[in-house]
Amino acid sequence: MRKGFVSAEFYAGHGSPPLAKLLRGGGRGGQLRLKLYLSLIWLSAKEPYDSSLPARSWAALLGLADHETRGVRRIQEAIRDLQDHNLISVRDRGGYPSVLTLQNENGQGEPYLPPSDVYSRLQSRNARPEQLRPHRYFRIPSALWTEGLIAQLGGPGIAMLLVLLCEQRGPGTDVWFSPQVAKQRFALAPSTRNAGLEQLRNLDLIDTRTKVTSEEGTYITFQRRRNVHRLTLR
């Protein structure tokens, strides 16, 4: 997934990154939009980057109650919302499940291409850093689906999982950020960040401890104690 979906540091659009926009309004609608979009990316990994699963199958995959009835309606609403956010296009097939085609994670309505493919191709052409930047990416562990975590985590938990994956320097490395940086970079409310980290801790997906840190990464400057987080999900 492109880092610009999560972080304003890499987002080339206007306003908040798409992650924050999807969650805006709170409630189950925001978390369902996010879970459905991530699942589309997971299942639509090959060209033409689309999926035509019935709505009831999406509802079952995401652990929705009454997935044959009310869950279907919620999925249909989430599909319309993702289309309104320019994250997917929808092709109706008259009585058959609609074809959902991915669009670029930046929400600008651009065609989707896997960021790893685009980044590698640009690198081979000696592209400039500013050309590579929109395609910097991170990988989401398949365990999110294969271990049923997509259904167990709420919207805040999924959001903070993406934030930590986006920010870590490598698997198993510490992540920390000040409240001010978090607000500017991710546009997520403090309540969302706190609730999300708590959800991850409750499922033993992160280790959190206190550590002496510096805003500039050096012990010469002013130091303070902050919570640092390390993902245990592989």
Protein backbone atom coordinates (compact mmCIF):
# COMPACT_ATOMS: atom_id res chain seq x y z
CA MET A 1 0.00 0.00 0.00
CA ARG A 2 1.25 3.49 -0.85
CA LYS A 3 2.34 5.46 2.20
CA GLY A 4 0.36 8.44 0.91
CA PHE A 5 -2.84 6.60 1.83
CA VAL A 6 -1.85 6.97 5.49
CA SER A 7 0.56 9.88 5.84
CA ALA A 8 0.36 13.49 4.70
CA GLU A 9 4.15 13.37 4.39
CA PHE A 10 3.70 11.28 1.23
CA TYR A 11 0.18 12.32 0.17
CA ALA A 12 0.20 14.46 -2.96
CA GLY A 13 -3.45 15.49 -2.82
CA HIS A 14 -5.26 18.22 -0.89
CA GLY A 15 -6.32 18.05 2.74
CA SER A 16 -6.22 14.94 4.89
CA PRO A 17 -4.78 11.63 3.65
CA PRO A 18 -7.38 9.12 2.35
CA LEU A 19 -7.19 6.98 5.51
CA ALA A 20 -8.44 9.85 7.67
CA LYS A 21 -11.10 10.74 5.09
CA LEU A 22 -12.45 7.18 5.06
CA LEU A 23 -12.77 7.12 8.84
CA ARG A 24 -14.32 10.58 9.05
CA GLY A 25 -17.74 10.52 10.61
CA GLY A 26 -16.78 7.64 12.86
CA GLY A 27 -19.02 4.70 13.63
CA ARG A 28 -19.22 1.41 11.82
CA GLY A 29 -19.50 3.03 8.39
CA GLY A 30 -15.97 4.40 8.49
CA GLN A 31 -14.38 1.18 9.68
CA LEU A 32 -16.32 -0.89 7.11
CA ARG A 33 -15.18 1.35 4.25
CA LEU A 34 -11.58 0.91 5.40
CA LYS A 35 -11.82 -2.85 5.88
CA LEU A 36 -13.50 -3.36 2.51
CA TYR A 37 -10.91 -1.28 0.65
CA LEU A 38 -7.99 -3.10 2.25
CA SER A 39 -9.62 -6.44 1.46
CA LEU A 40 -10.10 -5.40 -2.16
CA ILE A 41 -6.39 -4.64 -2.42
CA TRP A 42 -5.56 -8.01 -0.84
CA LEU A 43 -7.83 -9.99 -3.18
CA SER A 44 -7.25 -7.96 -6.37
CA ALA A 45 -3.48 -8.30 -6.56
CA LYS A 46 -3.32 -9.23 -10.24
CA GLU A 47 -4.31 -7.40 -13.38
CA PRO A 48 -6.99 -6.11 -14.02
CA TYR A 49 -7.04 -5.45 -10.22
CA ASP A 50 -10.73 -6.11 -9.76
CA SER A 51 -13.10 -8.38 -7.89
CA SER A 52 -16.71 -9.48 -8.39
CA LEU A 53 -17.55 -11.25 -5.13
CA PRO A 54 -21.20 -11.13 -4.01
CA ALA A 55 -21.91 -8.62 -1.25
CA ARG A 56 -22.80 -11.45 1.14
CA SER A 57 -19.30 -12.92 0.67
CA TRP A 58 -17.68 -9.60 1.57
CA ALA A 59 -19.97 -9.36 4.61
CA ALA A 60 -18.96 -12.85 5.76
CA LEU A 61 -15.24 -12.18 5.19
CA LEU A 62 -15.41 -9.03 7.30
CA GLY A 63 -17.36 -10.71 10.08
CA LEU A 64 -20.59 -8.71 9.73
CA ALA A 65 -23.65 -9.92 11.62
CA ASP A 66 -26.56 -11.05 9.45
CA HIS A 67 -24.26 -11.25 6.45
CA GLU A 68 -27.10 -12.51 4.22
CA THR A 69 -29.37 -9.52 4.92
CA ARG A 70 -28.35 -6.42 6.86
CA GLY A 71 -24.67 -7.14 6.21
CA VAL A 72 -25.34 -7.09 2.46
CA ARG A 73 -26.91 -3.64 2.70
CA ARG A 74 -23.95 -2.33 4.70
CA ILE A 75 -21.50 -3.66 2.09
CA GLN A 76 -23.49 -2.08 -0.71
CA GLU A 77 -23.39 1.27 1.11
CA ALA A 78 -19.63 0.93 1.70
CA ILE A 79 -19.10 0.22 -2.01
CA ARG A 80 -20.94 3.41 -2.93
CA ASP A 81 -18.85 5.36 -0.41
CA LEU A 82 -15.56 3.99 -1.80
CA GLN A 83 -16.69 4.99 -5.27
CA ASP A 84 -17.51 8.50 -4.01
CA HIS A 85 -13.99 8.68 -2.53
CA ASN A 86 -12.49 7.78 -5.94
CA LEU A 87 -10.87 4.65 -4.53
CA ILE A 88 -12.74 2.18 -6.73
CA SER A 89 -14.82 2.15 -9.89
CA VAL A 90 -17.98 0.03 -10.09
CA ARG A 91 -19.35 -1.74 -13.15
CA ASP A 92 -22.91 -2.97 -12.80
CA ARG A 93 -23.66 -6.32 -14.45
CA GLY A 94 -27.44 -6.40 -14.17
CA GLY A 95 -28.31 -9.13 -11.68
CA TYR A 96 -24.76 -10.41 -11.25
CA PRO A 97 -22.28 -9.12 -8.65
CA SER A 98 -20.80 -5.78 -9.70
CA VAL A 99 -17.16 -5.61 -10.75
CA LEU A 100 -15.15 -3.49 -8.30
CA THR A 101 -11.92 -2.17 -9.82
CA LEU A 102 -9.22 -0.61 -7.70
CA GLN A 103 -8.09 2.95 -8.24
CA ASN A 104 -4.92 4.56 -6.93
CA GLU A 105 -4.80 4.88 -3.12
CA ASN A 106 -4.38 8.66 -3.42
CA GLY A 107 -8.12 9.07 -4.05
CA GLN A 108 -7.58 11.15 -7.18
CA GLY A 109 -9.33 8.66 -9.47
CA GLU A 110 -6.14 7.49 -11.18
CA PRO A 111 -5.81 3.91 -12.51
CA TYR A 112 -4.37 1.44 -10.04
CA LEU A 113 -0.95 -0.13 -10.45
CA PRO A 114 0.82 -1.94 -7.60
CA PRO A 115 3.21 0.52 -5.94
CA SER A 116 6.04 -2.03 -5.85
CA ASP A 117 5.88 -2.41 -9.65
CA VAL A 118 5.79 1.33 -10.28
CA TYR A 119 8.57 2.05 -7.78
CA SER A 120 10.86 -0.61 -9.26
CA ARG A 121 10.26 0.59 -12.80
CA LEU A 122 10.99 4.20 -11.88
CA GLN A 123 14.13 3.19 -10.02
CA SER A 124 15.40 1.31 -13.07
CA ARG A 125 15.00 4.54 -15.03
CA ASN A 126 16.95 6.57 -12.46
CA ALA A 127 13.89 8.58 -11.51
CA ARG A 128 14.27 11.60 -9.25
CA PRO A 129 13.32 11.31 -5.55
CA GLU A 130 10.21 13.44 -6.06
CA GLN A 131 9.02 10.99 -8.73
CA LEU A 132 9.57 8.00 -6.45
CA ARG A 133 8.00 9.58 -3.37
CA PRO A 134 4.28 9.06 -4.30
CA HIS A 135 4.94 5.35 -4.80
CA ARG A 136 6.80 4.56 -1.60
CA TYR A 137 4.91 1.73 0.03
CA PHE A 138 4.63 -0.79 2.84
CA ARG A 139 3.28 -4.33 2.94
CA ILE A 140 0.27 -5.42 4.96
CA PRO A 141 0.72 -8.92 6.47
CA SER A 142 -1.72 -11.50 5.11
CA ALA A 143 -2.30 -12.57 8.71
CA LEU A 144 -4.73 -9.66 8.95
CA TRP A 145 -7.11 -11.87 6.94
CA THR A 146 -5.84 -15.42 7.38
CA GLU A 147 -5.99 -15.12 11.18
CA GLY A 148 -9.32 -13.28 11.21
CA LEU A 149 -7.86 -10.06 12.62
CA ILE A 150 -9.72 -7.95 10.04
CA ALA A 151 -12.97 -8.88 11.81
CA GLN A 152 -11.62 -8.54 15.37
CA LEU A 153 -10.10 -5.07 15.02
CA GLY A 154 -12.23 -1.95 14.93
CA GLY A 155 -11.61 1.06 12.70
CA PRO A 156 -9.11 2.71 15.11
CA GLY A 157 -7.15 -0.54 15.45
CA ILE A 158 -6.90 -1.00 11.68
CA ALA A 159 -5.92 2.66 11.25
CA MET A 160 -3.12 2.48 13.81
CA LEU A 161 -1.88 -0.80 12.37
CA LEU A 162 -1.49 0.99 9.03
CA VAL A 163 0.20 3.96 10.72
CA LEU A 164 2.77 1.72 12.41
CA LEU A 165 3.41 -0.26 9.22
CA CYS A 166 3.88 3.01 7.35
CA GLU A 167 6.22 4.53 9.93
CA GLN A 168 8.45 1.62 10.93
CA ARG A 169 11.95 1.59 9.45
CA GLY A 170 11.85 -2.17 9.06
CA PRO A 171 10.13 -5.21 10.59
CA GLY A 172 10.44 -5.23 14.37
CA THR A 173 11.73 -1.65 14.67
CA ASP A 174 10.42 0.87 17.20
CA VAL A 175 7.94 3.58 16.16
CA TRP A 176 7.17 6.73 18.08
CA PHE A 177 5.76 10.15 17.28
CA SER A 178 4.74 13.19 19.27
CA PRO A 179 1.02 14.12 19.46
CA GLN A 180 1.71 17.18 17.28
CA VAL A 181 3.47 15.17 14.58
CA ALA A 182 0.74 12.51 14.69
CA LYS A 183 -1.97 15.13 14.21
CA GLN A 184 -0.18 16.82 11.31
CA ARG A 185 0.90 13.64 9.56
CA PHE A 186 -2.13 11.36 9.93
CA ALA A 187 -5.03 13.74 10.68
CA LEU A 188 -6.44 11.20 13.15
CA ALA A 189 -8.06 12.36 16.39
CA PRO A 190 -6.19 11.58 19.65
CA SER A 191 -9.14 9.41 20.71
CA THR A 192 -8.77 7.35 17.51
CA ARG A 193 -5.02 6.92 18.03
CA ASN A 194 -5.40 5.93 21.67
CA ALA A 195 -8.28 3.53 21.05
CA GLY A 196 -6.44 1.99 18.10
CA LEU A 197 -3.26 1.35 20.05
CA GLU A 198 -5.30 -0.18 22.86
CA GLN A 199 -7.03 -2.54 20.42
CA LEU A 200 -3.65 -3.64 19.06
CA ARG A 201 -2.29 -4.22 22.57
CA ASN A 202 -5.36 -6.25 23.57
CA LEU A 203 -4.71 -8.62 20.66
CA ASP A 204 -0.96 -8.76 21.44
CA LEU A 205 -0.14 -7.20 18.08
CA ILE A 206 2.17 -4.53 19.53
CA ASP A 207 4.57 -4.11 22.42
CA THR A 208 4.54 -0.65 24.01
CA ARG A 209 7.17 0.66 26.41
CA THR A 210 8.58 3.98 27.56
CA LYS A 211 11.88 5.15 26.13
CA VAL A 212 14.01 8.32 26.22
CA THR A 213 13.77 9.94 22.79
CA SER A 214 14.71 13.15 21.00
CA GLU A 215 12.70 15.01 18.38
CA GLU A 216 15.82 15.15 16.20
CA GLY A 217 16.98 11.63 16.88
CA THR A 218 20.07 12.71 18.81
CA TYR A 219 20.88 12.73 22.50
CA ILE A 220 22.48 16.17 22.19
CA THR A 221 19.11 17.90 21.88
CA PHE A 222 16.33 18.11 24.44
CA GLN A 223 15.20 14.63 25.50
CA ARG A 224 11.90 13.34 26.84
CA ARG A 225 10.29 10.04 27.67
CA ARG A 226 7.76 8.77 25.16
CA ASN A 227 5.84 5.61 24.46
CA VAL A 228 7.41 3.62 21.63
CA HIS A 229 5.59 0.84 19.83
CA ARG A 230 6.85 -2.30 18.12
CA LEU A 231 4.62 -4.42 15.88
CA THR A 232 4.63 -8.15 16.57
CA LEU A 233 2.35 -9.01 13.64
CA ARG A 234 4.19 -10.83 10.83
